[in-house]
C-alpha atoms as a PDB file:
ATOM      1  CA  MET A   1     -61.730 165.976 225.986  1.00  0.00           C
ATOM      2  CA  THR A   2     -60.588 165.421 229.567  1.00  0.00           C
ATOM      3  CA  GLY A   3     -62.715 162.267 229.750  1.00  0.00           C
ATOM      4  CA  SER A   4     -60.809 160.642 226.898  1.00  0.00           C
ATOM      5  CA  ARG A   5     -57.498 161.640 228.477  1.00  0.00           C
ATOM      6  CA  THR A   6     -58.576 160.050 231.732  1.00  0.00           C
ATOM      7  CA  ILE A   7     -59.523 156.822 229.965  1.00  0.00           C
ATOM      8  CA  LEU A   8     -56.185 156.756 228.124  1.00  0.00           C
ATOM      9  CA  LEU A   9     -54.321 157.379 231.375  1.00  0.00           C
ATOM     10  CA  LEU A  10     -56.217 154.588 233.144  1.00  0.00           C
ATOM     11  CA  ALA A  11     -55.556 152.210 230.244  1.00  0.00           C
ATOM     12  CA  ALA A  12     -51.843 153.062 230.319  1.00  0.00           C
ATOM     13  CA  LEU A  13     -51.693 152.492 234.079  1.00  0.00           C
ATOM     14  CA  ALA A  14     -53.476 149.163 233.756  1.00  0.00           C
ATOM     15  CA  LEU A  15     -50.979 147.924 231.179  1.00  0.00           C
ATOM     16  CA  ALA A  16     -47.872 149.444 232.791  1.00  0.00           C
ATOM     17  CA  PRO A  17     -47.200 146.882 235.552  1.00  0.00           C
ATOM     18  CA  VAL A  18     -46.631 143.988 233.142  1.00  0.00           C
ATOM     19  CA  GLY A  19     -44.035 145.923 231.144  1.00  0.00           C
ATOM     20  CA  MET A  20     -42.465 147.402 234.247  1.00  0.00           C
ATOM     21  CA  LEU A  21     -41.905 143.988 235.803  1.00  0.00           C
ATOM     22  CA  ARG A  22     -40.019 142.692 232.785  1.00  0.00           C
ATOM     23  CA  ALA A  23     -38.007 145.910 232.923  1.00  0.00           C
ATOM     24  CA  ASP A  24     -37.223 145.240 236.588  1.00  0.00           C
ATOM     25  CA  LEU A  25     -35.861 141.810 235.740  1.00  0.00           C
ATOM     26  CA  LYS A  26     -33.752 143.410 233.011  1.00  0.00           C
ATOM     27  CA  ALA A  27     -32.522 145.959 235.547  1.00  0.00           C
ATOM     28  CA  ALA A  28     -31.521 143.072 237.796  1.00  0.00           C
ATOM     29  CA  LEU A  29     -29.665 141.440 234.910  1.00  0.00           C
ATOM     30  CA  ASN A  30     -27.794 144.695 234.279  1.00  0.00           C
ATOM     31  CA  GLU A  31     -26.639 144.936 237.911  1.00  0.00           C
ATOM     32  CA  HIS A  32     -22.932 144.094 238.168  1.00  0.00           C
ATOM     33  CA  ASP A  33     -22.900 143.417 241.921  1.00  0.00           C
ATOM     34  CA  LEU A  34     -24.107 139.815 242.110  1.00  0.00           C
ATOM     35  CA  GLY A  35     -25.476 140.184 245.645  1.00  0.00           C
ATOM     36  CA  LYS A  36     -27.545 143.204 244.664  1.00  0.00           C
ATOM     37  CA  ARG A  37     -28.621 141.369 241.516  1.00  0.00           C
ATOM     38  CA  SER A  38     -30.055 138.555 243.623  1.00  0.00           C
ATOM     39  CA  LYS A  39     -31.939 141.046 245.798  1.00  0.00           C
ATOM     40  CA  LEU A  40     -33.359 142.862 242.761  1.00  0.00           C
ATOM     41  CA  ALA A  41     -34.444 139.551 241.240  1.00  0.00           C
ATOM     42  CA  LEU A  42     -36.250 138.513 244.431  1.00  0.00           C
ATOM     43  CA  ASP A  43     -37.856 141.953 244.711  1.00  0.00           C
ATOM     44  CA  ASN A  44     -39.106 141.424 241.172  1.00  0.00           C
ATOM     45  CA  ALA A  45     -40.518 138.030 242.180  1.00  0.00           C
ATOM     46  CA  VAL A  46     -42.501 139.635 245.014  1.00  0.00           C
ATOM     47  CA  ALA A  47     -43.810 142.375 242.704  1.00  0.00           C
ATOM     48  CA  THR A  48     -44.734 139.752 240.107  1.00  0.00           C
ATOM     49  CA  LEU A  49     -46.630 137.801 242.746  1.00  0.00           C
ATOM     50  CA  LYS A  50     -48.817 140.864 243.265  1.00  0.00           C
ATOM     51  CA  THR A  51     -49.444 140.929 239.516  1.00  0.00           C
ATOM     52  CA  ALA A  52     -50.333 137.234 239.643  1.00  0.00           C
ATOM     53  CA  ARG A  53     -52.900 137.901 242.362  1.00  0.00           C
ATOM     54  CA  GLU A  54     -54.412 140.737 240.327  1.00  0.00           C
ATOM     55  CA  ALA A  55     -54.527 138.507 237.250  1.00  0.00           C
ATOM     56  CA  TYR A  56     -56.367 135.812 239.203  1.00  0.00           C
ATOM     57  CA  GLN A  57     -58.859 138.333 240.574  1.00  0.00           C
ATOM     58  CA  GLN A  58     -59.530 139.481 237.007  1.00  0.00           C
ATOM     59  CA  GLY A  59     -59.847 135.881 235.791  1.00  0.00           C
ATOM     60  CA  ASP A  60     -56.853 136.179 233.443  1.00  0.00           C
ATOM     61  CA  ASN A  61     -55.196 132.736 233.598  1.00  0.00           C
ATOM     62  CA  ALA A  62     -52.777 133.573 230.767  1.00  0.00           C
ATOM     63  CA  ARG A  63     -51.375 136.501 232.745  1.00  0.00           C
ATOM     64  CA  LEU A  64     -51.307 134.341 235.883  1.00  0.00           C
ATOM     65  CA  THR A  65     -49.256 131.692 234.069  1.00  0.00           C
ATOM     66  CA  SER A  66     -46.911 134.343 232.695  1.00  0.00           C
ATOM     67  CA  ALA A  67     -46.446 135.792 236.185  1.00  0.00           C
ATOM     68  CA  ALA A  68     -45.723 132.334 237.625  1.00  0.00           C
ATOM     69  CA  ASN A  69     -43.051 131.809 234.966  1.00  0.00           C
ATOM     70  CA  GLU A  70     -41.516 135.190 235.755  1.00  0.00           C
ATOM     71  CA  ILE A  71     -41.430 134.363 239.468  1.00  0.00           C
ATOM     72  CA  GLU A  72     -39.548 131.190 238.616  1.00  0.00           C
ATOM     73  CA  GLU A  73     -37.127 133.114 236.354  1.00  0.00           C
ATOM     74  CA  SER A  74     -36.526 135.679 239.087  1.00  0.00           C
ATOM     75  CA  VAL A  75     -35.803 133.024 241.719  1.00  0.00           C
ATOM     76  CA  ASP A  76     -33.455 131.250 239.310  1.00  0.00           C
ATOM     77  CA  LEU A  77     -31.625 134.501 238.585  1.00  0.00           C
ATOM     78  CA  ALA A  78     -31.205 135.170 242.300  1.00  0.00           C
ATOM     79  CA  TRP A  79     -29.848 131.652 242.895  1.00  0.00           C
ATOM     80  CA  GLU A  80     -27.457 131.785 239.935  1.00  0.00           C
ATOM     81  CA  SER A  81     -26.220 135.230 240.976  1.00  0.00           C
ATOM     82  CA  LEU A  82     -25.439 134.069 244.508  1.00  0.00           C
ATOM     83  CA  GLN A  83     -23.685 130.953 243.209  1.00  0.00           C
ATOM     84  CA  SER A  84     -21.613 133.110 240.844  1.00  0.00           C
ATOM     85  CA  THR A  85     -20.242 135.191 243.710  1.00  0.00           C
ATOM     86  CA  GLY A  86     -17.955 132.311 244.673  1.00  0.00           C
ATOM     87  CA  LYS A  87     -18.369 133.287 248.329  1.00  0.00           C
ATOM     88  CA  ASN A  88     -18.808 130.891 251.196  1.00  0.00           C
ATOM     89  CA  PRO A  89     -22.255 131.589 252.709  1.00  0.00           C
ATOM     90  CA  ARG A  90     -20.986 130.724 256.206  1.00  0.00           C
ATOM     91  CA  SER A  91     -18.247 133.341 256.156  1.00  0.00           C
ATOM     92  CA  SER A  92     -20.089 135.981 254.051  1.00  0.00           C
ATOM     93  CA  PRO A  93     -23.779 135.427 254.814  1.00  0.00           C
ATOM     94  CA  LYS A  94     -25.183 138.894 254.009  1.00  0.00           C
ATOM     95  CA  TRP A  95     -26.763 138.306 250.589  1.00  0.00           C
ATOM     96  CA  PHE A  96     -27.371 134.607 251.198  1.00  0.00           C
ATOM     97  CA  LYS A  97     -29.339 135.228 254.398  1.00  0.00           C
ATOM     98  CA  GLN A  98     -31.346 138.024 252.771  1.00  0.00           C
ATOM     99  CA  ALA A  99     -32.195 135.686 249.898  1.00  0.00           C
ATOM    100  CA  GLU A 100     -33.122 132.884 252.296  1.00  0.00           C
ATOM    101  CA  ILE A 101     -35.510 135.180 254.168  1.00  0.00           C
ATOM    102  CA  ALA A 102     -36.951 136.581 250.925  1.00  0.00           C
ATOM    103  CA  THR A 103     -37.570 133.109 249.466  1.00  0.00           C
ATOM    104  CA  ARG A 104     -39.196 131.975 252.710  1.00  0.00           C
ATOM    105  CA  ASP A 105     -41.561 134.961 252.608  1.00  0.00           C
ATOM    106  CA  LEU A 106     -42.192 134.414 248.902  1.00  0.00           C
ATOM    107  CA  LEU A 107     -43.071 130.773 249.586  1.00  0.00           C
ATOM    108  CA  LYS A 108     -45.626 131.786 252.203  1.00  0.00           C
ATOM    109  CA  LYS A 109     -47.216 134.255 249.809  1.00  0.00           C
ATOM    110  CA  LEU A 110     -47.197 131.740 246.960  1.00  0.00           C
ATOM    111  CA  GLU A 111     -48.885 129.179 249.177  1.00  0.00           C
ATOM    112  CA  THR A 112     -51.520 131.689 250.248  1.00  0.00           C
ATOM    113  CA  LEU A 113     -52.226 132.617 246.640  1.00  0.00           C
ATOM    114  CA  GLN A 114     -52.382 128.959 245.660  1.00  0.00           C
ATOM    115  CA  HIS A 115     -54.949 128.275 248.388  1.00  0.00           C
ATOM    116  CA  ASP A 116     -56.964 131.281 247.215  1.00  0.00           C
ATOM    117  CA  LEU A 117     -57.050 129.910 243.663  1.00  0.00           C
ATOM    118  CA  GLY A 118     -59.820 127.622 242.567  1.00  0.00           C
ATOM    119  CA  PHE A 119     -59.019 123.934 242.837  1.00  0.00           C
ATOM    120  CA  GLU A 120     -58.579 123.534 239.076  1.00  0.00           C
ATOM    121  CA  ASP A 121     -56.213 126.549 238.864  1.00  0.00           C
ATOM    122  CA  ARG A 122     -53.846 125.542 241.676  1.00  0.00           C
ATOM    123  CA  PRO A 123     -51.431 123.554 239.474  1.00  0.00           C
ATOM    124  CA  LEU A 124     -50.532 126.812 237.669  1.00  0.00           C
ATOM    125  CA  LEU A 125     -48.287 127.749 240.607  1.00  0.00           C
ATOM    126  CA  ASP A 126     -46.850 124.293 241.369  1.00  0.00           C
ATOM    127  CA  LYS A 127     -43.684 124.707 239.300  1.00  0.00           C
ATOM    128  CA  ALA A 128     -42.833 128.187 240.635  1.00  0.00           C
ATOM    129  CA  LYS A 129     -43.543 127.067 244.188  1.00  0.00           C
ATOM    130  CA  ALA A 130     -41.413 123.926 243.852  1.00  0.00           C
ATOM    131  CA  ARG A 131     -38.478 125.877 242.393  1.00  0.00           C
ATOM    132  CA  THR A 132     -38.703 128.526 245.112  1.00  0.00           C
ATOM    133  CA  GLN A 133     -38.787 125.773 247.763  1.00  0.00           C
ATOM    134  CA  LYS A 134     -35.709 124.105 246.241  1.00  0.00           C
ATOM    135  CA  VAL A 135     -33.752 127.386 246.167  1.00  0.00           C
ATOM    136  CA  HIS A 136     -34.808 128.172 249.740  1.00  0.00           C
ATOM    137  CA  ASP A 137     -33.724 124.731 250.966  1.00  0.00           C
ATOM    138  CA  ASP A 138     -30.383 124.996 249.158  1.00  0.00           C
ATOM    139  CA  LEU A 139     -29.749 128.468 250.593  1.00  0.00           C
ATOM    140  CA  LEU A 140     -30.566 127.284 254.085  1.00  0.00           C
ATOM    141  CA  LEU A 141     -28.332 124.251 253.715  1.00  0.00           C
ATOM    142  CA  GLU A 142     -25.425 126.350 252.486  1.00  0.00           C
ATOM    143  CA  LEU A 143     -25.871 128.830 255.330  1.00  0.00           C
ATOM    144  CA  MET A 144     -25.882 126.055 257.905  1.00  0.00           C
ATOM    145  CA  GLU A 145     -23.227 123.762 256.427  1.00  0.00           C
ATOM    146  CA  GLY A 146     -21.237 126.025 254.140  1.00  0.00           C
ATOM    147  CA  LYS A 147     -20.350 125.417 250.528  1.00  0.00           C
ATOM    148  CA  LYS A 148     -19.047 122.066 249.490  1.00  0.00           C
ATOM    149  CA  LYS A 149     -15.384 122.237 248.579  1.00  0.00           C
END
């Protein structure tokens, strides 16, 4: 009897991260503070990257593709949240700088994962990596130059 409980518990734990990540993105969407929302979205992107690595190690390309899409959604949510604040990144850099650092770290991890992938699987991460790079560059530009008036 305890053996079947253990198997059920292990199965539940194996399936839990996928559902929990979507829940984390929903939690970010429910956050009213736009700065915190951007941080939660980027935290979700980092957690999803770990899921993507696990999916690759298990040979599950469908889950890897789903994780790459969620990373892109998370980065987009962070960007849109920061833009919705209406703040000038030069005069109120707190959330913008945190997002810039987080996207830079995410880019490094995405690149590492992409290099770890087989040659034929590398294009799966191209779109998420390109979007993260674009958001990072835009954040950096706004921090250095300020928002266009």
